[in-house]
């Protein structure tokens, strides 16, 4: 059985939408549509995102769509392990995960689950903000980092 559900909430960075497929969260879209989800998982994902934006949740407990490879799963787990309010350079995360900064950059650029898989916590060398592929790009990334560090702008 193929089951897909969508839902979205209004947030300080604009609408954030969730797509649920086959019993897991498959996609988060910053800039998606605001609409109620109908499945229990979509409703729970939206509840957790809302709590995160309210500052009441620091990590997510949701089933995520599986990555395409075992190595992709290791890299995603390493990205999730960068703690709430922390930032790390692409190079530092690459060293931690026995990878390359370029591979970490690609992991972040292709991340279908921004916020939940916190690619916004990865910065360029010397703390440079760098690119961000979701929302309005670097300004969205800056807001997400500031939010986690207690500067709610």
Protein backbone atom coordinates (compact mmCIF):
# COMPACT_ATOMS: atom_id res chain seq x y z
CA UNK A 1 0.00 0.00 0.00
CA UNK A 2 1.33 3.39 -1.01
CA UNK A 3 0.53 6.06 1.54
CA UNK A 4 1.58 9.68 1.15
CA UNK A 5 0.56 12.63 3.28
CA UNK A 6 1.50 16.29 3.31
CA UNK A 7 1.10 18.97 5.89
CA UNK A 8 2.65 22.28 6.79
CA UNK A 9 2.87 24.89 9.50
CA UNK A 10 3.58 28.61 9.61
CA UNK A 11 6.96 29.40 11.19
CA UNK A 12 9.14 32.47 11.69
CA UNK A 13 11.04 31.53 8.50
CA UNK A 14 7.88 30.98 6.47
CA UNK A 15 5.85 27.86 5.84
CA UNK A 16 7.52 24.53 6.54
CA UNK A 17 5.95 21.47 4.90
CA UNK A 18 6.34 17.79 5.65
CA UNK A 19 5.90 14.88 3.26
CA UNK A 20 5.33 11.43 4.73
CA UNK A 21 5.67 8.32 2.58
CA UNK A 22 5.58 4.64 3.51
CA UNK A 23 5.58 5.29 7.25
CA UNK A 24 8.51 7.69 7.37
CA UNK A 25 9.23 11.38 6.97
CA UNK A 26 10.53 11.67 3.42
CA UNK A 27 10.88 15.42 2.90
CA UNK A 28 10.88 18.76 4.69
CA UNK A 29 10.37 21.81 2.53
CA UNK A 30 11.06 25.29 3.83
CA UNK A 31 8.65 27.42 1.85
CA UNK A 32 6.04 24.70 1.39
CA UNK A 33 2.32 25.10 1.92
CA UNK A 34 0.54 25.45 5.27
CA UNK A 35 -2.04 22.69 5.58
CA UNK A 36 -3.00 20.13 8.20
CA UNK A 37 -1.62 16.65 7.79
CA UNK A 38 -4.01 13.73 8.09
CA UNK A 39 -1.79 10.80 9.05
CA UNK A 40 -0.63 10.33 12.62
CA UNK A 41 3.00 10.63 11.49
CA UNK A 42 2.48 13.88 9.55
CA UNK A 43 0.63 15.36 12.52
CA UNK A 44 3.43 14.27 14.89
CA UNK A 45 6.16 15.62 12.59
CA UNK A 46 4.37 18.98 12.41
CA UNK A 47 3.93 18.98 16.20
CA UNK A 48 7.64 18.34 16.72
CA UNK A 49 8.63 21.04 14.23
CA UNK A 50 6.29 23.51 15.93
CA UNK A 51 7.84 22.63 19.31
CA UNK A 52 11.35 23.07 17.84
CA UNK A 53 10.46 26.54 16.55
CA UNK A 54 8.98 27.37 19.98
CA UNK A 55 12.31 26.41 21.60
CA UNK A 56 10.72 23.50 23.48
CA UNK A 57 12.35 20.66 21.48
CA UNK A 58 16.04 20.15 20.80
CA UNK A 59 16.03 16.83 18.92
CA UNK A 60 13.51 14.98 16.82
CA UNK A 61 12.14 11.50 17.33
CA UNK A 62 10.66 10.60 13.95
CA UNK A 63 11.14 7.71 11.54
CA UNK A 64 13.08 9.08 8.57
CA UNK A 65 13.11 7.75 5.03
CA UNK A 66 16.16 5.54 4.63
CA UNK A 67 19.19 7.01 2.90
CA UNK A 68 20.22 5.56 -0.46
CA UNK A 69 23.32 3.82 0.89
CA UNK A 70 24.82 2.54 4.11
CA UNK A 71 27.54 5.21 3.89
CA UNK A 72 24.86 7.85 3.37
CA UNK A 73 23.24 6.60 6.57
CA UNK A 74 26.53 6.92 8.46
CA UNK A 75 27.04 10.46 7.20
CA UNK A 76 23.45 11.44 8.01
CA UNK A 77 23.79 10.01 11.52
CA UNK A 78 26.98 12.02 11.97
CA UNK A 79 25.21 15.18 10.87
CA UNK A 80 22.31 14.52 13.25
CA UNK A 81 24.88 14.04 16.04
CA UNK A 82 26.00 17.69 15.75
CA UNK A 83 24.15 18.97 18.79
CA UNK A 84 21.47 21.61 19.10
CA UNK A 85 23.08 25.04 19.21
CA UNK A 86 26.47 23.71 18.07
CA UNK A 87 28.18 24.50 14.80
CA UNK A 88 30.99 22.63 13.11
CA UNK A 89 32.98 23.30 9.96
CA UNK A 90 32.67 21.08 6.90
CA UNK A 91 36.28 20.04 7.49
CA UNK A 92 35.79 19.21 11.16
CA UNK A 93 32.70 17.13 10.42
CA UNK A 94 34.55 15.41 7.57
CA UNK A 95 37.39 14.47 9.92
CA UNK A 96 34.91 13.22 12.52
CA UNK A 97 33.21 11.02 9.91
CA UNK A 98 36.33 9.92 8.00
CA UNK A 99 35.08 11.71 4.92
CA UNK A 100 35.99 14.79 2.87
CA UNK A 101 34.73 18.37 3.20
CA UNK A 102 33.38 18.13 -0.36
CA UNK A 103 31.35 15.01 0.53
CA UNK A 104 29.96 16.79 3.60
CA UNK A 105 29.04 19.75 1.40
CA UNK A 106 27.17 17.44 -0.96
CA UNK A 107 25.45 15.73 1.96
CA UNK A 108 24.19 19.11 3.16
CA UNK A 109 23.26 20.39 -0.30
CA UNK A 110 21.20 17.28 -1.07
CA UNK A 111 19.60 16.96 2.37
CA UNK A 112 15.85 16.32 1.89
CA UNK A 113 15.19 16.80 5.62
CA UNK A 114 16.47 20.25 6.66
CA UNK A 115 16.00 21.17 10.31
CA UNK A 116 15.42 17.52 11.30
CA UNK A 117 18.77 16.56 9.75
CA UNK A 118 20.49 19.78 10.81
CA UNK A 119 22.71 20.74 7.89
CA UNK A 120 22.35 24.37 9.01
CA UNK A 121 24.83 23.58 11.80
CA UNK A 122 27.68 23.06 9.31
CA UNK A 123 29.75 26.15 8.51
CA UNK A 124 32.58 27.03 6.19
CA UNK A 125 36.19 27.40 7.27
CA UNK A 126 36.75 30.04 9.92
CA UNK A 127 33.04 30.09 10.83
CA UNK A 128 31.86 31.45 7.46
CA UNK A 129 28.12 30.96 7.06
CA UNK A 130 28.44 29.34 3.64
CA UNK A 131 25.60 28.20 1.43
CA UNK A 132 22.22 26.79 2.41
CA UNK A 133 19.97 25.01 -0.06
CA UNK A 134 16.67 25.50 1.78
CA UNK A 135 14.38 28.46 2.32
CA UNK A 136 15.98 31.75 1.40
CA UNK A 137 19.50 30.33 1.53
CA UNK A 138 22.10 31.80 3.89
CA UNK A 139 19.62 34.14 5.61
CA UNK A 140 17.51 31.13 6.57
CA UNK A 141 20.62 29.30 7.78
CA UNK A 142 21.63 32.30 9.88
CA UNK A 143 18.16 32.46 11.46
CA UNK A 144 18.19 28.72 12.29
CA UNK A 145 21.61 28.99 13.95
CA UNK A 146 20.61 32.11 15.89
CA UNK A 147 17.38 30.42 16.99
CA UNK A 148 19.26 27.44 18.41
CA UNK A 149 21.77 29.68 20.13
CA UNK A 150 19.01 31.66 21.87
CA UNK A 151 18.93 34.75 19.63
CA UNK A 152 15.35 34.59 18.37
CA UNK A 153 15.53 37.79 16.27
